[in-house]
């Protein structure tokens, strides 16, 4: 005695929210996943041999590591900001 309208999930989907994600959000999402994998490998003892003790001793790569840490923190933040601004401008137009 089940009602057929309850079995059709298409009737429950809201037409207002049934849009695809913007490409910028997908690029940011998968880019952050790729960056996380790289960062885990680059700054782990089992991946690249990096350790905080070596970095504090003043090995030549310490400035390099700091540069990449700042760069890969600023790049996703800038990308998220640009995507948000473009979506805001898109809704106004």
Protein backbone atom coordinates (compact mmCIF):
# COMPACT_ATOMS: atom_id res chain seq x y z
CA UNK A 1 0.00 0.00 0.00
CA UNK A 2 2.94 2.30 -0.55
CA UNK A 3 2.15 5.51 -2.34
CA UNK A 4 3.91 5.90 -5.69
CA UNK A 5 4.69 9.60 -5.24
CA UNK A 6 6.89 8.79 -2.24
CA UNK A 7 8.97 6.39 -4.33
CA UNK A 8 9.84 8.97 -6.99
CA UNK A 9 12.88 10.90 -5.71
CA UNK A 10 12.72 13.29 -8.67
CA UNK A 11 9.64 14.89 -7.14
CA UNK A 12 11.57 15.73 -3.98
CA UNK A 13 14.40 17.54 -5.77
CA UNK A 14 14.15 21.29 -5.54
CA UNK A 15 14.42 23.01 -8.90
CA UNK A 16 16.02 26.05 -7.27
CA UNK A 17 19.05 24.08 -6.07
CA UNK A 18 19.38 21.51 -8.85
CA UNK A 19 22.18 23.37 -10.61
CA UNK A 20 25.70 22.14 -11.25
CA UNK A 21 28.61 23.54 -9.30
CA UNK A 22 30.62 26.34 -10.93
CA UNK A 23 33.86 25.15 -12.53
CA UNK A 24 35.89 27.48 -10.32
CA UNK A 25 34.68 25.76 -7.17
CA UNK A 26 35.50 22.34 -8.62
CA UNK A 27 38.99 23.50 -9.62
CA UNK A 28 39.54 24.93 -6.14
CA UNK A 29 38.23 21.76 -4.48
CA UNK A 30 40.40 19.33 -6.44
CA UNK A 31 43.35 21.73 -6.35
CA UNK A 32 43.20 21.80 -2.55
CA UNK A 33 43.11 18.02 -2.45
CA UNK A 34 46.16 17.81 -4.72
CA UNK A 35 47.95 20.46 -2.66
CA UNK A 36 47.16 18.58 0.55
CA UNK A 37 48.66 15.38 -0.83
CA UNK A 38 51.77 17.23 -2.00
CA UNK A 39 52.11 19.10 1.30
CA UNK A 40 51.77 15.89 3.30
CA UNK A 41 54.51 14.28 1.23
CA UNK A 42 56.82 17.34 1.21
CA UNK A 43 56.66 18.02 4.95
CA UNK A 44 56.70 14.54 6.40
CA UNK A 45 59.76 12.57 7.46
CA UNK A 46 58.68 9.48 5.54
CA UNK A 47 58.06 11.39 2.30
CA UNK A 48 60.91 13.81 1.73
CA UNK A 49 62.94 13.46 4.91
CA UNK A 50 61.96 16.94 6.08
CA UNK A 51 61.98 17.52 9.81
CA UNK A 52 61.46 20.55 11.95
CA UNK A 53 64.79 20.00 13.66
CA UNK A 54 66.65 20.20 10.32
CA UNK A 55 64.68 23.29 9.41
CA UNK A 56 65.59 24.98 12.70
CA UNK A 57 69.28 24.13 12.29
CA UNK A 58 69.35 26.46 9.32
CA UNK A 59 69.76 24.07 6.44
CA UNK A 60 69.73 25.80 3.04
CA UNK A 61 66.19 24.67 2.28
CA UNK A 62 64.60 26.43 5.27
CA UNK A 63 63.80 29.61 3.31
CA UNK A 64 62.50 27.50 0.45
CA UNK A 65 60.10 25.64 2.73
CA UNK A 66 58.82 28.88 4.21
CA UNK A 67 58.24 30.31 0.72
CA UNK A 68 56.18 27.31 -0.38
CA UNK A 69 54.21 27.24 2.85
CA UNK A 70 53.21 30.89 2.41
CA UNK A 71 52.60 30.50 -1.33
CA UNK A 72 50.36 27.48 -0.98
CA UNK A 73 48.40 29.17 1.76
CA UNK A 74 47.91 32.41 -0.15
CA UNK A 75 47.08 30.86 -3.55
CA UNK A 76 43.94 28.95 -2.41
CA UNK A 77 42.80 31.91 -0.32
CA UNK A 78 43.16 34.23 -3.31
CA UNK A 79 41.39 31.74 -5.58
CA UNK A 80 38.48 31.44 -3.13
CA UNK A 81 38.23 35.22 -2.89
CA UNK A 82 38.23 35.64 -6.68
CA UNK A 83 35.58 32.95 -7.10
CA UNK A 84 33.38 34.54 -4.47
CA UNK A 85 33.74 37.97 -6.07
CA UNK A 86 32.98 36.64 -9.55
CA UNK A 87 29.86 34.87 -8.24
CA UNK A 88 28.74 38.04 -6.48
CA UNK A 89 29.18 40.10 -9.65
CA UNK A 90 27.46 37.42 -11.68
CA UNK A 91 24.32 37.55 -9.55
CA UNK A 92 24.11 41.34 -9.85
CA UNK A 93 24.36 41.30 -13.66
